[in-house]
Protein backbone atom coordinates (compact mmCIF):
# COMPACT_ATOMS: atom_id res chain seq x y z
CA MET A 1 163.79 -211.36 -77.97
CA MET A 2 165.30 -208.05 -79.06
CA HIS A 3 168.59 -207.98 -80.97
CA PRO A 4 170.80 -205.03 -81.89
CA TYR A 5 171.04 -204.25 -85.58
CA ARG A 6 173.14 -201.54 -87.22
CA CYS A 7 172.81 -199.85 -90.56
CA GLU A 8 175.83 -200.24 -92.86
CA ILE A 9 175.17 -196.77 -94.27
CA CYS A 10 174.43 -194.50 -91.29
CA GLY A 11 175.74 -196.71 -88.48
CA GLU A 12 172.68 -196.16 -86.28
CA THR A 13 171.59 -198.99 -83.99
CA THR A 14 168.07 -200.30 -83.54
CA LEU A 15 166.78 -203.00 -81.19
CA MET A 16 164.27 -205.38 -82.78
CA ALA A 17 163.31 -209.04 -82.86
CA ASN A 18 164.14 -209.11 -86.59
CA PRO A 19 165.94 -206.72 -88.92
CA PRO A 20 163.62 -203.87 -89.95
CA GLN A 21 162.44 -203.59 -93.57
CA ARG A 22 164.32 -200.26 -93.73
CA CYS A 23 166.75 -198.49 -91.45
CA PRO A 24 164.51 -196.41 -89.18
CA PHE A 25 167.03 -193.56 -89.33
CA CYS A 26 168.34 -193.15 -92.89
CA GLY A 27 165.82 -195.31 -94.74
CA SER A 28 168.31 -197.77 -96.25
CA ALA A 29 166.97 -201.13 -97.41
CA GLN A 30 166.86 -204.14 -95.09
CA ILE A 31 169.86 -205.73 -96.82
CA ARG A 32 171.97 -202.89 -95.39
CA VAL A 33 170.83 -203.50 -91.79
CA VAL A 34 173.10 -206.11 -90.23
CA PRO A 35 173.52 -207.70 -86.79
CA ALA A 36 175.49 -205.20 -84.70
CA ALA A 37 178.41 -207.64 -84.31
CA GLU A 38 178.89 -207.64 -88.12
CA TRP A 39 178.86 -203.86 -88.50
CA ILE A 40 182.02 -202.14 -89.76
CA ASP A 41 182.87 -198.57 -88.75
CA TYR A 42 184.28 -197.07 -91.95
CA GLY A 43 184.71 -193.57 -90.51
CA LYS A 44 186.57 -191.19 -92.81
CA VAL A 45 187.03 -192.69 -96.26
CA ASP A 46 190.25 -192.25 -98.24
CA MET A 47 188.90 -190.89 -101.50
CA SER A 48 189.89 -189.24 -104.74
CA GLU A 49 189.60 -185.50 -105.21
CA GLN A 50 186.55 -186.03 -107.46
CA SER A 51 184.82 -188.24 -104.89
CA TYR A 52 185.48 -185.64 -102.21
CA LYS A 53 183.91 -182.95 -104.42
CA ASP A 54 180.96 -185.26 -105.07
CA CYS A 55 180.51 -185.86 -101.34
CA GLN A 56 180.70 -182.11 -100.71
CA LYS A 57 177.99 -181.49 -103.32
CA ALA A 58 175.86 -184.28 -101.83
CA LEU A 59 176.31 -182.85 -98.34
CA ASP A 60 175.17 -179.47 -99.60
CA LEU A 61 172.13 -181.02 -101.33
CA GLU A 62 171.15 -182.98 -98.23
CA LEU A 63 171.43 -179.97 -95.91
CA LYS A 64 169.38 -177.81 -98.29
CA ASN A 65 166.74 -180.53 -98.60
CA TYR A 66 166.71 -180.93 -94.82
CA ALA A 67 166.10 -177.19 -94.42
CA PHE A 68 163.39 -177.24 -97.09
CA TYR A 69 161.56 -180.13 -95.40
CA LYS A 70 161.88 -178.42 -92.04
CA CYS A 71 160.11 -175.38 -93.49
CA ALA A 72 157.52 -177.54 -95.26
CA ALA A 73 156.76 -179.45 -92.03
CA ALA A 74 156.35 -176.19 -90.09
CA ASN A 75 153.93 -174.89 -92.75
CA ALA A 76 152.08 -178.15 -93.47
CA GLN A 77 148.35 -177.95 -94.00
CA SER A 78 147.58 -181.32 -92.41
CA GLN A 79 148.99 -183.72 -89.85
CA MET A 80 149.61 -186.24 -92.62
CA THR A 81 151.76 -183.93 -94.74
CA GLN A 82 153.50 -182.63 -91.63
CA ALA A 83 154.42 -186.22 -90.70
CA ILE A 84 155.67 -186.91 -94.24
CA PHE A 85 157.80 -183.76 -94.35
CA GLU A 86 159.20 -184.43 -90.86
CA ARG A 87 160.24 -187.97 -91.78
CA LEU A 88 161.86 -186.75 -95.01
CA MET A 89 163.58 -183.97 -93.05
CA GLU A 90 165.03 -186.46 -90.55
CA GLN A 91 166.31 -188.78 -93.26
CA GLU A 92 167.93 -185.95 -95.22
CA TYR A 93 169.74 -184.86 -92.06
CA GLU A 94 170.91 -188.43 -91.47
CA HIS A 95 172.21 -188.54 -95.06
CA ALA A 96 174.10 -185.29 -94.48
CA GLU A 97 175.75 -186.87 -91.44
CA VAL A 98 176.81 -189.88 -93.55
CA PHE A 99 178.52 -187.66 -96.13
CA ALA A 100 180.21 -185.50 -93.49
CA GLU A 101 181.55 -188.59 -91.72
CA ALA A 102 182.85 -190.10 -94.96
CA MET A 103 184.65 -186.81 -95.64
CA GLY A 104 185.99 -186.65 -92.08
CA ILE A 105 184.52 -183.22 -91.37
CA PRO A 106 182.08 -181.87 -88.78
CA LEU A 107 178.53 -181.51 -90.01
CA PRO A 108 178.05 -177.91 -91.18
CA GLU A 109 175.08 -175.88 -90.04
CA ALA A 110 172.04 -176.23 -92.27
CA PRO A 111 170.95 -173.19 -94.27
CA ILE A 112 167.56 -171.57 -93.87
CA ARG A 113 165.25 -172.37 -96.77
CA SER A 114 161.90 -170.96 -97.73
CA CYS A 115 158.90 -172.95 -98.84
CA SER A 116 155.26 -172.52 -99.76
CA SER A 117 152.36 -172.52 -97.34
CA GLU A 118 150.65 -175.00 -99.71
CA ASP A 119 151.38 -178.71 -99.39
CA ALA A 120 150.88 -179.43 -103.09
CA LYS A 121 153.47 -176.82 -104.08
CA ASN A 122 155.93 -178.18 -101.52
CA MET A 123 155.36 -181.74 -102.76
CA ARG A 124 156.08 -180.64 -106.34
CA ARG A 125 159.23 -178.86 -105.17
CA SER A 126 160.19 -181.94 -103.17
CA ASN A 127 159.75 -184.02 -106.30
CA LYS A 128 162.27 -181.80 -108.12
CA HIS A 129 164.76 -181.96 -105.23
CA GLU A 130 164.54 -185.76 -105.04
CA THR A 131 164.84 -186.18 -108.83
CA THR A 132 167.98 -184.03 -108.86
CA ALA A 133 169.51 -186.02 -105.99
CA ILE A 134 168.68 -189.41 -107.54
CA LYS A 135 170.28 -188.47 -110.85
CA PHE A 136 173.44 -187.09 -109.25
CA TYR A 137 173.83 -189.92 -106.71
CA THR A 138 173.38 -192.59 -109.38
CA GLU A 139 176.03 -190.95 -111.57
CA VAL A 140 178.47 -190.80 -108.64
CA ALA A 141 177.76 -194.41 -107.60
CA ASN A 142 178.65 -195.50 -111.12
CA ARG A 143 181.88 -193.48 -111.43
CA ALA A 144 183.41 -193.43 -107.93
CA PRO A 145 186.50 -195.63 -107.67
CA GLU A 146 186.04 -196.29 -103.94
CA PRO A 147 183.72 -199.19 -102.98
CA ARG A 148 182.51 -197.42 -99.83
CA ILE A 149 181.62 -194.25 -101.74
CA GLN A 150 179.81 -196.37 -104.34
CA GLN A 151 177.89 -198.09 -101.54
CA ILE A 152 176.87 -194.83 -99.86
CA PHE A 153 175.72 -193.13 -103.04
CA LYS A 154 173.84 -196.20 -104.28
CA ALA A 155 172.05 -196.69 -100.96
CA ILE A 156 171.11 -193.04 -100.59
CA ALA A 157 169.93 -192.88 -104.23
CA GLU A 158 167.61 -195.79 -103.40
CA VAL A 159 166.23 -193.93 -100.39
CA GLU A 160 165.76 -190.74 -102.40
CA ASN A 161 163.82 -192.82 -104.93
CA GLU A 162 161.53 -193.91 -102.08
CA HIS A 163 161.09 -190.23 -101.17
CA LEU A 164 160.11 -189.54 -104.78
CA MET A 165 157.51 -192.31 -104.65
CA VAL A 166 156.03 -190.82 -101.47
CA THR A 167 155.64 -187.40 -103.07
CA ASN A 168 154.25 -188.96 -106.26
CA VAL A 169 151.56 -190.77 -104.26
CA TYR A 170 150.55 -187.48 -102.70
CA LEU A 171 150.64 -185.54 -105.99
CA TYR A 172 148.81 -188.10 -108.12
CA ARG A 173 146.10 -189.34 -105.78
């Protein structure tokens, strides 16, 4: 029997017999996917000026990474790398939505980003993007005074680490 589950990070709902291993939308770990009846809508978060600036920087990073992956998917050399870049693109966009919602602002339009026509170059560039995001998000998760902001940054840092592992598998195979 199918049950509704919602992600504590992105709020998206999925119907499954059991909670998924990861949120199918933002990639958060299974522990963050709860029965829909237990889900809390945090909406806009009251946050310090520093946390707001950190969310703004994260939103900018996520939109730029989304645009990069969109370009990389459009220029992919194989169906496999196209699928990888598309999934990463979708998750980065979902992350951008999470930050915009926490800030209480509409999601800005994504910039246009360039990329290589070579998958290996795009994977290396992806690796740099993900490493930058992981470092920043971990720092913010450790310094933010608001529990919800800590939760968001920690969860998204974990997902970005998964993205890094995906690109590493491709680069070092």
